[in-house]
Structures are given as C-alpha cells and as structure tokens.
PDB file of all heavy atoms in Angstrom:
ATOM      1  N   ARG A   1     241.796 280.560 143.706  1.00  0.00           N
ATOM      2  CA  ARG A   1     243.209 280.952 143.894  1.00  0.00           C
ATOM      3  C   ARG A   1     243.585 281.193 145.328  1.00  0.00           C
ATOM      4  O   ARG A   1     244.623 280.859 145.775  1.00  0.00           O
ATOM      5  CB  ARG A   1     243.508 282.180 142.985  1.00  0.00           C
ATOM      6  CG  ARG A   1     243.592 281.851 141.512  1.00  0.00           C
ATOM      7  CD  ARG A   1     243.536 283.118 140.675  1.00  0.00           C
ATOM      8  NE  ARG A   1     243.756 282.800 139.263  1.00  0.00           N
ATOM      9  CZ  ARG A   1     243.420 283.623 138.227  1.00  0.00           C
ATOM     10  NH1 ARG A   1     242.899 284.842 138.532  1.00  0.00           N
ATOM     11  NH2 ARG A   1     243.574 283.286 137.005  1.00  0.00           N
ATOM     12  N   LEU A   2     242.629 281.839 146.033  1.00  0.00           N
ATOM     13  CA  LEU A   2     242.870 282.067 147.462  1.00  0.00           C
ATOM     14  C   LEU A   2     242.768 280.790 148.281  1.00  0.00           C
ATOM     15  O   LEU A   2     243.406 280.685 149.298  1.00  0.00           O
ATOM     16  CB  LEU A   2     241.895 283.141 147.979  1.00  0.00           C
ATOM     17  CG  LEU A   2     242.158 284.562 147.498  1.00  0.00           C
ATOM     18  CD1 LEU A   2     241.122 285.494 147.960  1.00  0.00           C
ATOM     19  CD2 LEU A   2     243.548 285.024 147.902  1.00  0.00           C
ATOM     20  N   LEU A   3     241.934 279.878 147.832  1.00  0.00           N
ATOM     21  CA  LEU A   3     241.811 278.589 148.531  1.00  0.00           C
ATOM     22  C   LEU A   3     243.141 277.830 148.402  1.00  0.00           C
ATOM     23  O   LEU A   3     243.537 277.201 149.382  1.00  0.00           O
ATOM     24  CB  LEU A   3     240.677 277.734 147.892  1.00  0.00           C
ATOM     25  CG  LEU A   3     240.481 276.374 148.570  1.00  0.00           C
ATOM     26  CD1 LEU A   3     240.219 276.497 150.035  1.00  0.00           C
ATOM     27  CD2 LEU A   3     239.282 275.663 147.889  1.00  0.00           C
ATOM     28  N   MET A   4     243.808 277.933 147.283  1.00  0.00           N
ATOM     29  CA  MET A   4     245.143 277.300 147.163  1.00  0.00           C
ATOM     30  C   MET A   4     246.100 277.851 148.207  1.00  0.00           C
ATOM     31  O   MET A   4     246.997 277.128 148.671  1.00  0.00           O
ATOM     32  CB  MET A   4     245.673 277.558 145.752  1.00  0.00           C
ATOM     33  CG  MET A   4     246.980 276.864 145.465  1.00  0.00           C
ATOM     34  SD  MET A   4     246.899 275.115 145.532  1.00  0.00           S
ATOM     35  CE  MET A   4     248.638 274.650 145.228  1.00  0.00           C
ATOM     36  N   LYS A   5     245.901 279.110 148.626  1.00  0.00           N
ATOM     37  CA  LYS A   5     246.771 279.703 149.630  1.00  0.00           C
ATOM     38  C   LYS A   5     246.140 279.505 151.004  1.00  0.00           C
ATOM     39  O   LYS A   5     246.658 280.115 151.975  1.00  0.00           O
ATOM     40  CB  LYS A   5     246.895 281.192 149.323  1.00  0.00           C
ATOM     41  CG  LYS A   5     247.538 281.536 148.002  1.00  0.00           C
ATOM     42  CD  LYS A   5     247.635 283.032 147.784  1.00  0.00           C
ATOM     43  CE  LYS A   5     248.282 283.346 146.433  1.00  0.00           C
ATOM     44  NZ  LYS A   5     248.361 284.811 146.187  1.00  0.00           N
ATOM     45  N   SER A   6     245.061 278.753 151.124  1.00  0.00           N
ATOM     46  CA  SER A   6     244.435 278.487 152.408  1.00  0.00           C
ATOM     47  C   SER A   6     243.924 279.764 153.108  1.00  0.00           C
ATOM     48  O   SER A   6     244.038 279.928 154.299  1.00  0.00           O
ATOM     49  CB  SER A   6     245.363 277.722 153.358  1.00  0.00           C
ATOM     50  OG  SER A   6     244.696 277.219 154.427  1.00  0.00           O
ATOM     51  N   ASN A   7     243.296 280.598 152.313  1.00  0.00           N
ATOM     52  CA  ASN A   7     242.778 281.877 152.855  1.00  0.00           C
ATOM     53  C   ASN A   7     241.693 281.574 153.882  1.00  0.00           C
ATOM     54  O   ASN A   7     240.657 280.994 153.572  1.00  0.00           O
ATOM     55  CB  ASN A   7     242.228 282.738 151.746  1.00  0.00           C
ATOM     56  CG  ASN A   7     241.774 284.086 152.207  1.00  0.00           C
ATOM     57  OD1 ASN A   7     240.817 284.238 152.891  1.00  0.00           O
ATOM     58  ND2 ASN A   7     242.543 285.109 151.763  1.00  0.00           N
ATOM     59  N   PRO A   8     241.863 282.018 155.130  1.00  0.00           N
ATOM     60  CA  PRO A   8     240.894 281.710 156.193  1.00  0.00           C
ATOM     61  C   PRO A   8     239.493 282.258 155.958  1.00  0.00           C
ATOM     62  O   PRO A   8     238.504 281.682 156.475  1.00  0.00           O
ATOM     63  CB  PRO A   8     241.531 282.335 157.434  1.00  0.00           C
ATOM     64  CG  PRO A   8     242.970 282.422 157.157  1.00  0.00           C
ATOM     65  CD  PRO A   8     243.038 282.738 155.672  1.00  0.00           C
ATOM     66  N   THR A   9     239.369 283.325 155.237  1.00  0.00           N
ATOM     67  CA  THR A   9     238.056 283.890 154.979  1.00  0.00           C
ATOM     68  C   THR A   9     237.138 282.889 154.304  1.00  0.00           C
ATOM     69  O   THR A   9     235.947 282.830 154.567  1.00  0.00           O
ATOM     70  CB  THR A   9     238.163 285.174 154.070  1.00  0.00           C
ATOM     71  OG1 THR A   9     238.936 286.152 154.778  1.00  0.00           O
ATOM     72  CG2 THR A   9     236.796 285.727 153.788  1.00  0.00           C
ATOM     73  N   ILE A  10     237.677 282.068 153.402  1.00  0.00           N
ATOM     74  CA  ILE A  10     236.842 281.107 152.677  1.00  0.00           C
ATOM     75  C   ILE A  10     236.254 280.069 153.652  1.00  0.00           C
ATOM     76  O   ILE A  10     235.075 279.701 153.539  1.00  0.00           O
ATOM     77  CB  ILE A  10     237.669 280.411 151.637  1.00  0.00           C
ATOM     78  CG1 ILE A  10     238.169 281.406 150.578  1.00  0.00           C
ATOM     79  CG2 ILE A  10     236.878 279.309 150.905  1.00  0.00           C
ATOM     80  CD1 ILE A  10     239.191 280.892 149.620  1.00  0.00           C
ATOM     81  N   PHE A  11     237.051 279.653 154.599  1.00  0.00           N
ATOM     82  CA  PHE A  11     236.581 278.669 155.568  1.00  0.00           C
ATOM     83  C   PHE A  11     235.484 279.247 156.489  1.00  0.00           C
ATOM     84  O   PHE A  11     234.547 278.590 156.869  1.00  0.00           O
ATOM     85  CB  PHE A  11     237.730 278.099 156.378  1.00  0.00           C
ATOM     86  CG  PHE A  11     238.754 277.354 155.566  1.00  0.00           C
ATOM     87  CD1 PHE A  11     239.900 278.027 155.128  1.00  0.00           C
ATOM     88  CD2 PHE A  11     238.585 276.058 155.239  1.00  0.00           C
ATOM     89  CE1 PHE A  11     240.860 277.360 154.374  1.00  0.00           C
ATOM     90  CE2 PHE A  11     239.515 275.354 154.469  1.00  0.00           C
ATOM     91  CZ  PHE A  11     240.655 276.044 154.056  1.00  0.00           C
ATOM     92  N   GLU A  12     235.632 280.517 156.773  1.00  0.00           N
ATOM     93  CA  GLU A  12     234.622 281.230 157.564  1.00  0.00           C
ATOM     94  C   GLU A  12     233.311 281.334 156.815  1.00  0.00           C
ATOM     95  O   GLU A  12     232.230 281.058 157.377  1.00  0.00           O
ATOM     96  CB  GLU A  12     235.112 282.593 157.980  1.00  0.00           C
ATOM     97  CG  GLU A  12     236.224 282.540 159.020  1.00  0.00           C
ATOM     98  CD  GLU A  12     236.390 283.926 159.723  1.00  0.00           C
ATOM     99  OE1 GLU A  12     235.653 284.871 159.348  1.00  0.00           O
ATOM    100  OE2 GLU A  12     237.221 284.014 160.633  1.00  0.00           O
ATOM    101  N   TRP A  13     233.393 281.748 155.554  1.00  0.00           N
ATOM    102  CA  TRP A  13     232.154 281.853 154.779  1.00  0.00           C
ATOM    103  C   TRP A  13     231.469 280.458 154.644  1.00  0.00           C
ATOM    104  O   TRP A  13     230.232 280.385 154.842  1.00  0.00           O
ATOM    105  CB  TRP A  13     232.445 282.310 153.338  1.00  0.00           C
ATOM    106  CG  TRP A  13     232.899 283.727 153.227  1.00  0.00           C
ATOM    107  CD1 TRP A  13     233.050 284.623 154.280  1.00  0.00           C
ATOM    108  CD2 TRP A  13     233.164 284.456 152.024  1.00  0.00           C
ATOM    109  NE1 TRP A  13     233.457 285.864 153.805  1.00  0.00           N
ATOM    110  CE2 TRP A  13     233.510 285.751 152.403  1.00  0.00           C
ATOM    111  CE3 TRP A  13     233.163 284.116 150.685  1.00  0.00           C
ATOM    112  CZ2 TRP A  13     233.866 286.770 151.466  1.00  0.00           C
ATOM    113  CZ3 TRP A  13     233.487 285.089 149.730  1.00  0.00           C
ATOM    114  CH2 TRP A  13     233.830 286.400 150.113  1.00  0.00           C
ATOM    115  N   ALA A  14     232.207 279.448 154.394  1.00  0.00           N
ATOM    116  CA  ALA A  14     231.649 278.128 154.257  1.00  0.00           C
ATOM    117  C   ALA A  14     230.973 277.615 155.540  1.00  0.00           C
ATOM    118  O   ALA A  14     230.075 276.765 155.470  1.00  0.00           O
ATOM    119  CB  ALA A  14     232.709 277.129 153.804  1.00  0.00           C
ATOM    120  N   ASP A  15     231.405 278.116 156.695  1.00  0.00           N
ATOM    121  CA  ASP A  15     230.860 277.648 157.976  1.00  0.00           C
ATOM    122  C   ASP A  15     229.777 278.595 158.515  1.00  0.00           C
ATOM    123  O   ASP A  15     229.243 278.361 159.583  1.00  0.00           O
ATOM    124  CB  ASP A  15     231.999 277.639 159.003  1.00  0.00           C
ATOM    125  CG  ASP A  15     231.593 276.922 160.328  1.00  0.00           C
ATOM    126  OD1 ASP A  15     231.119 275.799 160.280  1.00  0.00           O
ATOM    127  OD2 ASP A  15     231.744 277.584 161.370  1.00  0.00           O
ATOM    128  N   SER A  16     229.392 279.606 157.767  1.00  0.00           N
ATOM    129  CA  SER A  16     228.376 280.549 158.264  1.00  0.00           C
ATOM    130  C   SER A  16     227.048 279.811 158.548  1.00  0.00           C
ATOM    131  O   SER A  16     226.573 278.977 157.782  1.00  0.00           O
ATOM    132  CB  SER A  16     228.116 281.653 157.192  1.00  0.00           C
ATOM    133  OG  SER A  16     227.069 282.473 157.638  1.00  0.00           O
ATOM    134  N   PRO A  17     226.426 280.139 159.701  1.00  0.00           N
ATOM    135  CA  PRO A  17     225.190 279.570 160.042  1.00  0.00           C
ATOM    136  C   PRO A  17     224.006 280.236 159.356  1.00  0.00           C
ATOM    137  O   PRO A  17     222.874 279.731 159.391  1.00  0.00           O
ATOM    138  CB  PRO A  17     225.111 279.773 161.535  1.00  0.00           C
ATOM    139  CG  PRO A  17     225.862 281.026 161.792  1.00  0.00           C
ATOM    140  CD  PRO A  17     226.989 280.977 160.783  1.00  0.00           C
ATOM    141  N   ILE A  18     224.270 281.344 158.666  1.00  0.00           N
ATOM    142  CA  ILE A  18     223.194 282.092 157.948  1.00  0.00           C
ATOM    143  C   ILE A  18     223.520 282.055 156.454  1.00  0.00           C
ATOM    144  O   ILE A  18     224.398 282.752 156.024  1.00  0.00           O
ATOM    145  CB  ILE A  18     223.119 283.536 158.430  1.00  0.00           C
ATOM    146  CG1 ILE A  18     222.915 283.568 159.956  1.00  0.00           C
ATOM    147  CG2 ILE A  18     221.955 284.250 157.710  1.00  0.00           C
ATOM    148  CD1 ILE A  18     222.930 284.956 160.541  1.00  0.00           C
ATOM    149  N   VAL A  19     222.838 281.175 155.764  1.00  0.00           N
ATOM    150  CA  VAL A  19     223.069 280.991 154.275  1.00  0.00           C
ATOM    151  C   VAL A  19     221.880 281.528 153.530  1.00  0.00           C
ATOM    152  O   VAL A  19     220.750 281.105 153.769  1.00  0.00           O
ATOM    153  CB  VAL A  19     223.339 279.516 153.992  1.00  0.00           C
ATOM    154  CG1 VAL A  19     223.490 279.294 152.458  1.00  0.00           C
ATOM    155  CG2 VAL A  19     224.566 279.016 154.713  1.00  0.00           C
ATOM    156  N   TYR A  20     222.137 282.430 152.572  1.00  0.00           N
ATOM    157  CA  TYR A  20     221.035 283.009 151.779  1.00  0.00           C
ATOM    158  C   TYR A  20     220.829 282.289 150.438  1.00  0.00           C
ATOM    159  O   TYR A  20     219.748 282.318 149.898  1.00  0.00           O
ATOM    160  CB  TYR A  20     221.357 284.480 151.505  1.00  0.00           C
ATOM    161  CG  TYR A  20     221.452 285.323 152.739  1.00  0.00           C
ATOM    162  CD1 TYR A  20     222.668 285.913 153.135  1.00  0.00           C
ATOM    163  CD2 TYR A  20     220.345 285.550 153.566  1.00  0.00           C
ATOM    164  CE1 TYR A  20     222.772 286.682 154.282  1.00  0.00           C
ATOM    165  CE2 TYR A  20     220.429 286.310 154.725  1.00  0.00           C
ATOM    166  CZ  TYR A  20     221.648 286.866 155.048  1.00  0.00           C
ATOM    167  OH  TYR A  20     221.756 287.605 156.218  1.00  0.00           O
ATOM    168  N   ARG A  21     221.904 281.621 150.005  1.00  0.00           N
ATOM    169  CA  ARG A  21     221.803 280.820 148.786  1.00  0.00           C
ATOM    170  C   ARG A  21     222.906 279.823 148.741  1.00  0.00           C
ATOM    171  O   ARG A  21     224.045 280.128 149.050  1.00  0.00           O
ATOM    172  CB  ARG A  21     221.895 281.710 147.549  1.00  0.00           C
ATOM    173  CG  ARG A  21     221.658 280.944 146.215  1.00  0.00           C
ATOM    174  CD  ARG A  21     221.592 281.892 145.019  1.00  0.00           C
ATOM    175  NE  ARG A  21     220.449 282.840 145.185  1.00  0.00           N
ATOM    176  CZ  ARG A  21     220.108 283.687 144.211  1.00  0.00           C
ATOM    177  NH1 ARG A  21     220.786 283.752 143.091  1.00  0.00           N
ATOM    178  NH2 ARG A  21     219.074 284.539 144.412  1.00  0.00           N
ATOM    179  N   GLU A  22     222.534 278.567 148.315  1.00  0.00           N
ATOM    180  CA  GLU A  22     223.568 277.528 148.181  1.00  0.00           C
ATOM    181  C   GLU A  22     223.139 276.628 147.058  1.00  0.00           C
ATOM    182  O   GLU A  22     222.105 275.970 147.110  1.00  0.00           O
ATOM    183  CB  GLU A  22     223.754 276.743 149.488  1.00  0.00           C
ATOM    184  CG  GLU A  22     224.867 275.726 149.388  1.00  0.00           C
ATOM    185  CD  GLU A  22     225.264 275.165 150.758  1.00  0.00           C
ATOM    186  OE1 GLU A  22     224.631 275.550 151.750  1.00  0.00           O
ATOM    187  OE2 GLU A  22     226.175 274.364 150.807  1.00  0.00           O
ATOM    188  N   THR A  23     223.951 276.519 146.017  1.00  0.00           N
ATOM    189  CA  THR A  23     223.672 275.656 144.881  1.00  0.00           C
ATOM    190  C   THR A  23     224.380 274.347 145.010  1.00  0.00           C
ATOM    191  O   THR A  23     225.314 274.137 145.809  1.00  0.00           O
ATOM    192  CB  THR A  23     224.129 276.349 143.580  1.00  0.00           C
ATOM    193  OG1 THR A  23     225.520 276.454 143.571  1.00  0.00           O
ATOM    194  CG2 THR A  23     223.481 277.749 143.446  1.00  0.00           C
ATOM    195  N   SER A  24     223.999 273.393 144.118  1.00  0.00           N
ATOM    196  CA  SER A  24     224.645 272.064 144.093  1.00  0.00           C
ATOM    197  C   SER A  24     226.141 272.242 143.670  1.00  0.00           C
ATOM    198  O   SER A  24     226.936 271.446 144.078  1.00  0.00           O
ATOM    199  CB  SER A  24     223.918 271.133 143.196  1.00  0.00           C
ATOM    200  OG  SER A  24     223.822 271.665 141.851  1.00  0.00           O
ATOM    201  N   ASP A  25     226.427 273.243 142.885  1.00  0.00           N
ATOM    202  CA  ASP A  25     227.818 273.441 142.468  1.00  0.00           C
ATOM    203  C   ASP A  25     228.723 273.841 143.634  1.00  0.00           C
ATOM    204  O   ASP A  25     229.893 273.559 143.637  1.00  0.00           O
ATOM    205  CB  ASP A  25     227.900 274.524 141.306  1.00  0.00           C
ATOM    206  CG  ASP A  25     227.485 273.965 139.988  1.00  0.00           C
ATOM    207  OD1 ASP A  25     227.707 272.770 139.756  1.00  0.00           O
ATOM    208  OD2 ASP A  25     226.944 274.721 139.194  1.00  0.00           O
ATOM    209  N   TRP A  26     228.158 274.559 144.560  1.00  0.00           N
ATOM    210  CA  TRP A  26     228.981 274.907 145.750  1.00  0.00           C
ATOM    211  C   TRP A  26     229.436 273.653 146.502  1.00  0.00           C
ATOM    212  O   TRP A  26     230.479 273.683 147.167  1.00  0.00           O
ATOM    213  CB  TRP A  26     228.182 275.828 146.687  1.00  0.00           C
ATOM    214  CG  TRP A  26     228.950 276.210 147.915  1.00  0.00           C
ATOM    215  CD1 TRP A  26     228.734 275.768 149.215  1.00  0.00           C
ATOM    216  CD2 TRP A  26     230.046 277.085 148.013  1.00  0.00           C
ATOM    217  NE1 TRP A  26     229.631 276.328 150.071  1.00  0.00           N
ATOM    218  CE2 TRP A  26     230.468 277.138 149.368  1.00  0.00           C
ATOM    219  CE3 TRP A  26     230.776 277.832 147.045  1.00  0.00           C
ATOM    220  CZ2 TRP A  26     231.563 277.934 149.825  1.00  0.00           C
ATOM    221  CZ3 TRP A  26     231.831 278.600 147.490  1.00  0.00           C
ATOM    222  CH2 TRP A  26     232.210 278.647 148.867  1.00  0.00           C
TER     223      TRP A  26
END
C-alpha cells in the first residue's frame, strides 16, 4: 500500500548494502 504511494523508505530498504535475509518472493 505504501509502495503505491511511492514511499521512499521502501526504496531505501531495497537498496541496503547489508541484507540479513532475502527470499525468492522478494
């Protein structure tokens, strides 16, 4: 729902250089 509003936090999380878990669904 926040992505539909282009929430900048989502783009920051997705670009993080430190990833602790990432599934194929992501």
